[in-house]
């Protein structure tokens, strides 16, 4: 049994809600206290790690109990936290214009594979956030990379990671697939 100061029930919620609720719960904790976040969203592990890293809090680990993922995070002190945002942002409409120009680019979809399967931009590469660090070598460092997710949160974290790894032409697409009106397709038969 892991000792925690607070438990957050985020079961049944999909991205970005576990992170939104975690952020709110963290605000109510004192520096050094530990939060247990219970979630069922498979993508929440990568999201928690990335969010903790970008916000300065400490991701301690995840324990799987049946279908529930228990994520443990430690609240950092004021000096440790500073939320970073990727500075290069492009709107859905601007991405459509870039697509029409047929430039040498990569549209990188960092949602979970199930999200991608049911709705994605034609030609977009799927690379779930949890696999980004291990697989970023598959990407051309010289290409423009437009990172997209459902709402712009995961893609913001992915864009930061790519930039830190030396990719220079990285753009976060906001608001992302939740409001995408351009061409889309699915790779599953319903």
Protein backbone atom coordinates (compact mmCIF):
# COMPACT_ATOMS: atom_id res chain seq x y z
CA UNK A 1 0.00 0.00 0.00
CA UNK A 2 1.46 3.33 -1.11
CA UNK A 3 0.90 6.22 1.31
CA UNK A 4 -0.76 9.20 -0.38
CA UNK A 5 -2.17 12.51 0.81
CA UNK A 6 -5.06 12.56 -1.64
CA UNK A 7 -6.84 10.26 -4.12
CA UNK A 8 -8.43 11.48 -7.36
CA UNK A 9 -10.98 9.33 -9.20
CA UNK A 10 -10.56 9.94 -12.95
CA UNK A 11 -11.92 6.53 -14.01
CA UNK A 12 -13.96 6.56 -17.21
CA UNK A 13 -12.57 9.93 -18.33
CA UNK A 14 -10.72 10.46 -21.62
CA UNK A 15 -7.98 12.93 -22.49
CA UNK A 16 -7.67 15.72 -21.52
CA UNK A 17 -9.95 15.32 -18.46
CA UNK A 18 -7.64 13.18 -16.26
CA UNK A 19 -4.94 15.88 -16.64
CA UNK A 20 -7.41 18.73 -16.10
CA UNK A 21 -8.64 17.11 -12.87
CA UNK A 22 -5.08 16.23 -11.78
CA UNK A 23 -3.98 19.84 -12.27
CA UNK A 24 -6.90 21.05 -10.13
CA UNK A 25 -6.21 18.44 -7.43
CA UNK A 26 -2.50 19.35 -7.37
CA UNK A 27 -3.40 22.98 -6.72
CA UNK A 28 -5.06 21.86 -3.47
CA UNK A 29 -1.98 20.00 -2.20
CA UNK A 30 0.99 21.28 -0.23
CA UNK A 31 4.52 20.98 -1.66
CA UNK A 32 5.88 17.46 -1.16
CA UNK A 33 2.46 15.81 -0.82
CA UNK A 34 1.58 12.81 -3.00
CA UNK A 35 -1.52 12.43 -5.17
CA UNK A 36 -2.89 9.10 -6.38
CA UNK A 37 -4.82 9.45 -9.64
CA UNK A 38 -7.04 6.48 -10.53
CA UNK A 39 -7.71 6.30 -14.27
CA UNK A 40 -8.88 3.81 -16.88
CA UNK A 41 -7.64 5.69 -19.98
CA UNK A 42 -4.65 3.69 -21.33
CA UNK A 43 -3.06 6.91 -22.63
CA UNK A 44 -3.11 8.46 -19.16
CA UNK A 45 0.29 7.01 -18.19
CA UNK A 46 2.14 8.87 -20.93
CA UNK A 47 -0.01 11.95 -20.32
CA UNK A 48 0.74 11.99 -16.57
CA UNK A 49 4.49 11.58 -17.15
CA UNK A 50 4.57 14.34 -19.75
CA UNK A 51 2.36 16.71 -17.75
CA UNK A 52 4.39 16.21 -14.56
CA UNK A 53 7.59 16.87 -16.49
CA UNK A 54 6.26 20.03 -18.15
CA UNK A 55 4.73 21.41 -14.93
CA UNK A 56 7.71 20.63 -12.70
CA UNK A 57 5.89 18.09 -10.52
CA UNK A 58 7.39 14.64 -9.98
CA UNK A 59 5.90 11.57 -11.65
CA UNK A 60 6.62 8.71 -9.21
CA UNK A 61 5.13 5.78 -11.11
CA UNK A 62 2.03 3.82 -12.06
CA UNK A 63 0.57 0.63 -10.61
CA UNK A 64 -1.94 -1.42 -12.62
CA UNK A 65 -4.80 -3.02 -10.68
CA UNK A 66 -7.15 -4.79 -13.08
CA UNK A 67 -8.44 -2.14 -15.49
CA UNK A 68 -7.46 0.72 -13.17
CA UNK A 69 -4.18 2.59 -13.51
CA UNK A 70 -3.02 4.23 -10.28
CA UNK A 71 -0.65 7.10 -11.05
CA UNK A 72 1.43 8.63 -8.26
CA UNK A 73 2.59 12.24 -8.45
CA UNK A 74 4.43 14.40 -5.94
CA UNK A 75 3.68 18.11 -5.79
CA UNK A 76 6.77 20.24 -6.28
CA UNK A 77 7.53 23.38 -4.33
CA UNK A 78 6.93 26.80 -5.92
CA UNK A 79 10.52 27.09 -7.11
CA UNK A 80 10.27 23.72 -8.86
CA UNK A 81 7.14 24.46 -10.91
CA UNK A 82 6.89 26.52 -14.04
CA UNK A 83 4.45 25.45 -16.74
CA UNK A 84 6.12 25.55 -20.14
CA UNK A 85 4.25 26.00 -23.40
CA UNK A 86 5.59 25.33 -26.89
CA UNK A 87 5.86 28.73 -28.56
CA UNK A 88 5.21 27.69 -32.20
CA UNK A 89 1.45 27.26 -32.56
CA UNK A 90 -0.60 26.86 -35.71
CA UNK A 91 -4.40 26.78 -36.01
CA UNK A 92 -6.40 24.02 -37.70
CA UNK A 93 -7.19 26.46 -40.54
CA UNK A 94 -3.50 27.34 -41.02
CA UNK A 95 -2.62 23.63 -41.16
CA UNK A 96 -5.21 23.18 -43.93
CA UNK A 97 -3.50 25.96 -45.93
CA UNK A 98 -0.08 24.31 -45.42
CA UNK A 99 -1.53 20.97 -46.57
CA UNK A 100 -2.81 22.61 -49.78
CA UNK A 101 0.72 23.93 -50.51
CA UNK A 102 2.02 20.30 -50.59
CA UNK A 103 5.16 21.25 -48.63
CA UNK A 104 7.66 18.67 -47.35
CA UNK A 105 6.10 18.13 -43.95
CA UNK A 106 5.00 15.57 -41.42
CA UNK A 107 1.64 15.67 -39.68
CA UNK A 108 2.34 13.78 -36.47
CA UNK A 109 -0.74 12.47 -34.62
CA UNK A 110 0.26 11.74 -30.99
CA UNK A 111 -3.14 10.37 -29.88
CA UNK A 112 -3.57 6.75 -28.91
CA UNK A 113 -3.82 4.31 -31.82
CA UNK A 114 -7.53 3.69 -31.18
CA UNK A 115 -8.28 7.44 -31.42
CA UNK A 116 -6.28 7.62 -34.66
CA UNK A 117 -8.01 4.54 -36.14
CA UNK A 118 -11.47 6.09 -35.94
CA UNK A 119 -10.59 9.58 -37.25
CA UNK A 120 -7.35 11.03 -38.60
CA UNK A 121 -5.99 13.39 -41.23
CA UNK A 122 -5.08 11.51 -44.45
CA UNK A 123 -1.31 11.02 -44.58
CA UNK A 124 -0.81 11.77 -40.88
CA UNK A 125 1.70 9.54 -39.09
CA UNK A 126 0.54 7.95 -35.87
CA UNK A 127 3.04 8.03 -33.03
CA UNK A 128 1.29 7.83 -29.63
CA UNK A 129 2.71 10.17 -26.99
CA UNK A 130 3.88 7.22 -24.86
CA UNK A 131 6.11 5.97 -27.71
CA UNK A 132 7.50 9.34 -28.81
CA UNK A 133 10.83 9.28 -27.00
CA UNK A 134 11.73 5.76 -28.20
CA UNK A 135 10.60 6.36 -31.80
CA UNK A 136 11.44 10.00 -32.58
CA UNK A 137 14.46 8.76 -34.55
CA UNK A 138 11.98 7.63 -37.22
CA UNK A 139 11.22 11.29 -37.99
CA UNK A 140 13.17 13.50 -40.42
CA UNK A 141 14.81 16.21 -38.31
CA UNK A 142 14.85 18.55 -41.36
CA UNK A 143 11.09 18.38 -42.04
CA UNK A 144 8.44 20.72 -40.75
CA UNK A 145 6.48 18.72 -38.17
CA UNK A 146 2.90 19.62 -37.29
CA UNK A 147 1.95 17.82 -34.07
CA UNK A 148 -1.74 17.17 -33.46
CA UNK A 149 -3.83 15.47 -30.76
CA UNK A 150 -7.45 15.82 -29.69
CA UNK A 151 -7.25 19.20 -27.92
CA UNK A 152 -3.68 20.54 -28.19
CA UNK A 153 -2.43 19.37 -24.75
CA UNK A 154 -0.58 16.17 -25.64
CA UNK A 155 0.66 17.76 -28.86
CA UNK A 156 2.05 20.70 -26.86
CA UNK A 157 4.07 18.31 -24.69
CA UNK A 158 5.18 16.32 -27.76
CA UNK A 159 6.26 19.50 -29.55
CA UNK A 160 8.35 20.47 -26.51
CA UNK A 161 10.02 17.03 -26.45
CA UNK A 162 10.82 17.15 -30.17
CA UNK A 163 12.27 20.66 -29.86
CA UNK A 164 14.41 19.58 -26.88
CA UNK A 165 15.69 16.70 -29.04
CA UNK A 166 16.91 19.10 -31.75
CA UNK A 167 13.93 19.30 -34.12
CA UNK A 168 13.67 22.97 -35.11
CA UNK A 169 10.53 23.25 -37.26
CA UNK A 170 7.91 21.89 -34.86
CA UNK A 171 4.39 23.35 -34.58
CA UNK A 172 1.59 22.51 -32.15
CA UNK A 173 -1.80 22.34 -33.91
CA UNK A 174 -4.54 23.97 -31.80
CA UNK A 175 -7.39 23.15 -31.11
CA UNK A 176 -6.63 19.82 -32.79
CA UNK A 177 -8.82 16.92 -33.90
CA UNK A 178 -11.71 17.79 -31.55
CA UNK A 179 -12.55 20.68 -33.92
CA UNK A 180 -10.97 19.45 -37.17
CA UNK A 181 -13.10 20.34 -40.21
CA UNK A 182 -10.62 19.34 -42.91
CA UNK A 183 -10.30 16.00 -44.70
CA UNK A 184 -10.29 12.97 -42.44
CA UNK A 185 -10.45 9.23 -42.71
CA UNK A 186 -10.58 6.11 -40.56
CA UNK A 187 -8.55 2.94 -40.73
CA UNK A 188 -11.14 0.61 -39.21
CA UNK A 189 -14.25 -0.99 -40.62
CA UNK A 190 -17.23 -0.42 -38.37
